[in-house]
Amino acid sequence: MTTPITRISVEGVSKSFPRHRGHRLLRDHFKEIFRRRVDGRFHALRNVSLTVRAGDSVALVGANGAGKSTLLGIIAGLAEPDSGAVAVNGRIAALLELGLGFQPDLTGRENIRLNASLLGMSRRETLERSDSIIAFAGVDDFIDEPLRTYSSGMTMRLAFAVAMNVQPDIVLIDEVMVVGDAAFQAKCLERIREFRKAGAVVVLVSHSAAAVRELCDKAVWLDHGEVMMTGAVGKVLDAYAGRYMTASTT
């Protein structure tokens, strides 16, 4: 049997950020100069390793601040790790910061061309898929109006529609299924299912256990930047839920 292509390889990745200390009195600054500090940084990820192969659908689960979005951003190339290595093999559709790069004074149609180019789509691909993008977003009547006349929901739907038409090998999703109304969310979920059927990798961050169980077959549980458990999605979710049920009763 042929081993599936490795789409994402994360090896020993760590990432930290300086802590924001706010405004302090001058004497407090002097105290800190002469006081030994163990570590003045927030460690978002600590020696994280992960392999995702073609056909995998993986959920990153954990409490707020566990490092899930940081890891997704590093895989997407939006940030560099402090140490370790990340290798990505394939075209990425990153549904992370929807609307990033959109320009309010350009029309919806012009923003499609701009955002599609940022996502790596050729001019021909963008032209061929423009009608599909507009229809998916449901902004037909406003597509030639400046983006500043759009509601925030319309802008998010347009951004999602562009990303959904990249035809990716890898789909990175960070809590974006709350975009739009129930009908639009259903369309988004169906499109993600289509990507899975076509063999695309899905890496999902979501606090919705139902969405995780439906869309993913594997999960990685992160806690304070460390991998606590990896494996079948049901087993990992049950272990994660059990940990916090136990903590709440003690």
Protein backbone atom coordinates (compact mmCIF):
# COMPACT_ATOMS: atom_id res chain seq x y z
CA MET A 1 0.00 0.00 0.00
CA THR A 2 1.32 3.44 -0.95
CA THR A 3 1.88 5.82 1.98
CA PRO A 4 -0.22 9.01 1.57
CA ILE A 5 1.62 12.23 0.77
CA THR A 6 2.67 14.22 3.84
CA ARG A 7 0.95 17.59 3.50
CA ILE A 8 2.00 19.18 6.80
CA SER A 9 5.03 18.36 8.94
CA VAL A 10 5.55 20.18 12.25
CA GLU A 11 8.68 19.15 14.15
CA GLY A 12 9.58 20.44 17.61
CA VAL A 13 7.96 23.84 17.10
CA SER A 14 8.03 26.40 19.91
CA LYS A 15 6.71 29.95 19.84
CA SER A 16 6.72 32.67 22.50
CA PHE A 17 5.65 36.30 22.70
CA PRO A 18 6.76 39.14 25.00
CA ARG A 19 4.30 39.82 27.79
CA HIS A 20 2.65 43.24 27.80
CA ARG A 21 3.22 44.74 31.23
CA GLY A 22 1.23 47.95 30.84
CA HIS A 23 2.01 51.23 32.56
CA ARG A 24 4.14 51.11 35.69
CA LEU A 25 5.85 53.60 37.98
CA LEU A 26 9.53 54.37 37.43
CA ARG A 27 10.46 52.64 40.70
CA ASP A 28 8.83 49.43 39.44
CA HIS A 29 11.02 49.51 36.32
CA PHE A 30 14.13 49.85 38.52
CA LYS A 31 12.96 46.97 40.72
CA GLU A 32 12.65 44.76 37.65
CA ILE A 33 16.14 45.69 36.43
CA PHE A 34 17.68 44.44 39.68
CA ARG A 35 15.35 41.47 40.16
CA ARG A 36 16.07 38.17 38.50
CA ARG A 37 13.21 37.14 36.25
CA VAL A 38 12.81 33.53 35.26
CA ASP A 39 11.06 34.28 31.99
CA GLY A 40 9.37 37.42 30.71
CA ARG A 41 7.65 35.78 27.74
CA PHE A 42 4.39 33.97 27.12
CA HIS A 43 5.05 30.52 25.66
CA ALA A 44 2.25 29.81 23.18
CA LEU A 45 3.76 26.56 21.86
CA ARG A 46 6.28 24.20 23.45
CA ASN A 47 8.02 21.57 21.33
CA VAL A 48 4.94 20.69 19.25
CA SER A 49 5.19 17.98 16.59
CA LEU A 50 2.46 16.98 14.15
CA THR A 51 2.20 15.12 10.84
CA VAL A 52 -0.83 15.50 8.57
CA ARG A 53 -1.11 13.35 5.47
CA ALA A 54 -3.31 13.64 2.38
CA GLY A 55 -6.88 12.77 3.25
CA ASP A 56 -6.53 13.57 6.96
CA SER A 57 -8.94 15.87 8.73
CA VAL A 58 -7.53 17.05 12.04
CA ALA A 59 -9.06 19.13 14.82
CA LEU A 60 -6.94 21.21 17.19
CA VAL A 61 -8.77 21.28 20.53
CA GLY A 62 -8.07 22.89 23.86
CA ALA A 63 -9.03 25.81 26.07
CA ASN A 64 -8.57 29.44 25.09
CA GLY A 65 -4.87 30.27 25.11
CA ALA A 66 -3.84 26.65 24.49
CA GLY A 67 -1.91 27.59 21.33
CA LYS A 68 -4.35 26.34 18.68
CA SER A 69 -4.59 29.52 16.63
CA THR A 70 -0.85 30.16 16.99
CA LEU A 71 -0.11 26.73 15.53
CA LEU A 72 -2.59 27.29 12.70
CA GLY A 73 -1.00 30.66 11.92
CA ILE A 74 2.49 29.14 11.79
CA ILE A 75 1.28 26.38 9.42
CA ALA A 76 -0.31 29.09 7.25
CA GLY A 77 2.98 31.00 7.12
CA LEU A 78 1.63 34.02 8.99
CA ALA A 79 4.24 33.64 11.75
CA GLU A 80 7.65 32.06 12.21
CA PRO A 81 8.42 29.63 15.03
CA ASP A 82 11.16 30.45 17.53
CA SER A 83 12.53 26.93 17.04
CA GLY A 84 11.65 23.78 15.18
CA ALA A 85 10.63 23.29 11.55
CA VAL A 86 7.43 23.40 9.51
CA ALA A 87 7.06 21.99 6.00
CA VAL A 88 3.88 22.40 3.93
CA ASN A 89 3.29 20.53 0.68
CA GLY A 90 0.36 21.88 -1.33
CA ARG A 91 -1.84 24.91 -1.93
CA ILE A 92 -3.40 26.35 1.22
CA ALA A 93 -6.79 27.96 1.73
CA ALA A 94 -6.45 29.68 5.11
CA LEU A 95 -9.80 30.67 6.61
CA LEU A 96 -8.24 32.55 9.50
CA GLU A 97 -8.47 36.32 9.33
CA LEU A 98 -11.30 36.70 6.84
CA GLY A 99 -11.22 40.00 4.97
CA LEU A 100 -7.51 40.54 5.56
CA GLY A 101 -6.22 42.55 2.60
CA PHE A 102 -9.66 43.79 1.49
CA GLN A 103 -9.75 47.47 0.53
CA PRO A 104 -12.86 49.50 1.50
CA ASP A 105 -12.64 51.91 -1.45
CA LEU A 106 -12.50 49.13 -4.06
CA THR A 107 -15.64 47.41 -5.29
CA GLY A 108 -16.55 43.89 -4.28
CA ARG A 109 -15.50 42.65 -7.72
CA GLU A 110 -12.13 44.41 -7.50
CA ASN A 111 -11.58 42.97 -4.03
CA ILE A 112 -12.24 39.49 -5.38
CA ARG A 113 -9.42 39.94 -7.87
CA LEU A 114 -7.12 41.39 -5.21
CA ASN A 115 -7.82 38.75 -2.56
CA ALA A 116 -7.70 35.88 -5.04
CA SER A 117 -4.23 36.96 -6.16
CA LEU A 118 -3.08 37.07 -2.51
CA LEU A 119 -4.33 33.49 -2.14
CA GLY A 120 -2.29 32.39 -5.16
CA MET A 121 -5.04 32.19 -7.81
CA SER A 122 -4.07 33.11 -11.33
CA ARG A 123 -5.92 35.81 -13.27
CA ARG A 124 -7.55 33.14 -15.43
CA GLU A 125 -8.67 31.10 -12.41
CA THR A 126 -10.14 34.23 -10.82
CA LEU A 127 -12.03 35.15 -13.98
CA GLU A 128 -13.42 31.62 -14.35
CA ARG A 129 -14.60 31.48 -10.72
CA SER A 130 -15.81 35.04 -10.18
CA ASP A 131 -19.46 34.24 -10.88
CA SER A 132 -19.31 31.26 -8.53
CA ILE A 133 -17.71 33.38 -5.80
CA ILE A 134 -20.33 36.12 -6.12
CA ALA A 135 -23.20 33.61 -6.08
CA PHE A 136 -21.79 31.75 -3.09
CA ALA A 137 -21.41 35.00 -1.11
CA GLY A 138 -24.91 36.16 -2.08
CA VAL A 139 -23.79 39.73 -2.83
CA ASP A 140 -24.87 39.92 -6.48
CA ASP A 141 -26.70 43.25 -6.11
CA PHE A 142 -23.72 44.95 -4.45
CA ILE A 143 -20.75 43.46 -6.26
CA ASP A 144 -19.90 46.67 -8.14
CA GLU A 145 -20.36 48.90 -5.09
CA PRO A 146 -17.44 49.99 -2.85
CA LEU A 147 -16.74 47.57 -0.04
CA ARG A 148 -17.25 50.35 2.55
CA THR A 149 -20.98 50.19 1.72
CA TYR A 150 -21.12 46.50 2.72
CA SER A 151 -22.19 45.27 6.13
CA SER A 152 -19.54 43.36 8.10
CA GLY A 153 -21.48 40.15 7.42
CA MET A 154 -21.44 40.73 3.66
CA THR A 155 -17.70 41.39 3.74
CA MET A 156 -17.04 38.18 5.70
CA ARG A 157 -19.22 36.14 3.32
CA LEU A 158 -17.34 37.52 0.32
CA ALA A 159 -13.97 36.76 1.93
CA PHE A 160 -15.10 33.23 2.78
CA ALA A 161 -16.40 32.69 -0.76
CA VAL A 162 -13.07 33.72 -2.28
CA ALA A 163 -11.12 31.38 0.01
CA MET A 164 -13.55 28.54 -0.71
CA ASN A 165 -12.82 28.78 -4.45
CA VAL A 166 -9.05 28.32 -4.26
CA GLN A 167 -9.32 24.52 -4.85
CA PRO A 168 -6.75 23.80 -2.15
CA ASP A 169 -4.79 20.78 -1.04
CA ILE A 170 -4.94 22.05 2.54
CA VAL A 171 -7.79 23.91 4.26
CA LEU A 172 -7.02 25.71 7.54
CA ILE A 173 -10.11 26.81 9.47
CA ASP A 174 -10.17 28.91 12.65
CA GLU A 175 -13.69 29.33 14.05
CA VAL A 176 -15.15 30.85 10.86
CA MET A 177 -18.28 28.74 10.64
CA VAL A 178 -20.11 31.44 12.57
CA VAL A 179 -20.00 33.59 9.42
CA GLY A 180 -23.44 34.48 8.05
CA ASP A 181 -26.86 33.02 8.78
CA ALA A 182 -27.81 29.36 9.13
CA ALA A 183 -28.29 28.89 5.39
CA PHE A 184 -24.83 30.29 4.59
CA GLN A 185 -23.22 28.22 7.34
CA ALA A 186 -24.83 25.12 5.82
CA LYS A 187 -23.30 26.02 2.44
CA CYS A 188 -19.90 26.45 4.07
CA LEU A 189 -20.09 23.07 5.78
CA GLU A 190 -21.12 21.41 2.53
CA ARG A 191 -18.18 22.99 0.70
CA ILE A 192 -15.79 21.72 3.38
CA ARG A 193 -17.26 18.24 2.99
CA GLU A 194 -16.63 18.49 -0.78
CA PHE A 195 -12.99 19.37 -0.11
CA ARG A 196 -12.67 16.32 2.12
CA LYS A 197 -14.20 14.05 -0.53
CA ALA A 198 -11.72 15.45 -3.06
CA GLY A 199 -8.85 14.44 -0.75
CA ALA A 200 -7.94 17.84 0.67
CA VAL A 201 -6.48 18.02 4.16
CA VAL A 202 -8.61 19.88 6.71
CA VAL A 203 -7.12 21.33 9.91
CA LEU A 204 -9.84 22.83 12.09
CA VAL A 205 -9.86 24.92 15.26
CA SER A 206 -13.30 25.01 16.82
CA HIS A 207 -14.95 24.97 20.24
CA SER A 208 -17.94 23.17 18.71
CA ALA A 209 -17.62 19.48 19.56
CA ALA A 210 -20.40 18.70 17.07
CA ALA A 211 -18.54 20.40 14.19
CA VAL A 212 -15.28 18.70 15.19
CA ARG A 213 -16.88 15.25 15.30
CA GLU A 214 -18.61 15.80 11.95
CA LEU A 215 -15.68 17.23 10.01
CA CYS A 216 -12.63 15.53 11.54
CA ASP A 217 -11.38 11.99 12.05
CA LYS A 218 -8.32 12.88 14.16
CA ALA A 219 -7.63 15.40 16.89
CA VAL A 220 -4.72 17.01 18.72
CA TRP A 221 -5.35 18.26 22.27
CA LEU A 222 -3.20 21.27 23.23
CA ASP A 223 -2.88 22.62 26.76
CA HIS A 224 -0.71 25.67 27.53
CA GLY A 225 1.18 25.14 24.28
CA GLU A 226 1.95 21.45 24.83
CA VAL A 227 0.50 18.40 23.08
CA MET A 228 -1.47 16.40 25.65
CA MET A 229 -2.88 13.74 23.32
CA THR A 230 -3.30 12.86 19.65
CA GLY A 231 -5.48 10.20 18.09
CA ALA A 232 -9.00 9.38 16.92
CA VAL A 233 -11.27 12.38 17.31
CA GLY A 234 -13.75 10.65 19.63
CA LYS A 235 -11.11 9.44 22.06
CA VAL A 236 -9.34 12.80 22.21
CA LEU A 237 -12.57 14.77 22.71
CA ASP A 238 -13.70 12.39 25.44
CA ALA A 239 -10.35 12.71 27.24
CA TYR A 240 -10.42 16.50 26.90
CA ALA A 241 -14.00 16.74 28.17
CA GLY A 242 -13.20 14.35 31.04
CA ARG A 243 -10.25 16.48 32.11
CA TYR A 244 -12.39 19.58 32.51
CA MET A 245 -15.35 17.76 34.08
CA THR A 246 -12.94 16.42 36.71
CA ALA A 247 -11.42 19.87 37.27
CA SER A 248 -14.85 21.45 37.71
CA THR A 249 -15.80 19.00 40.47
CA THR A 250 -12.60 19.32 42.51
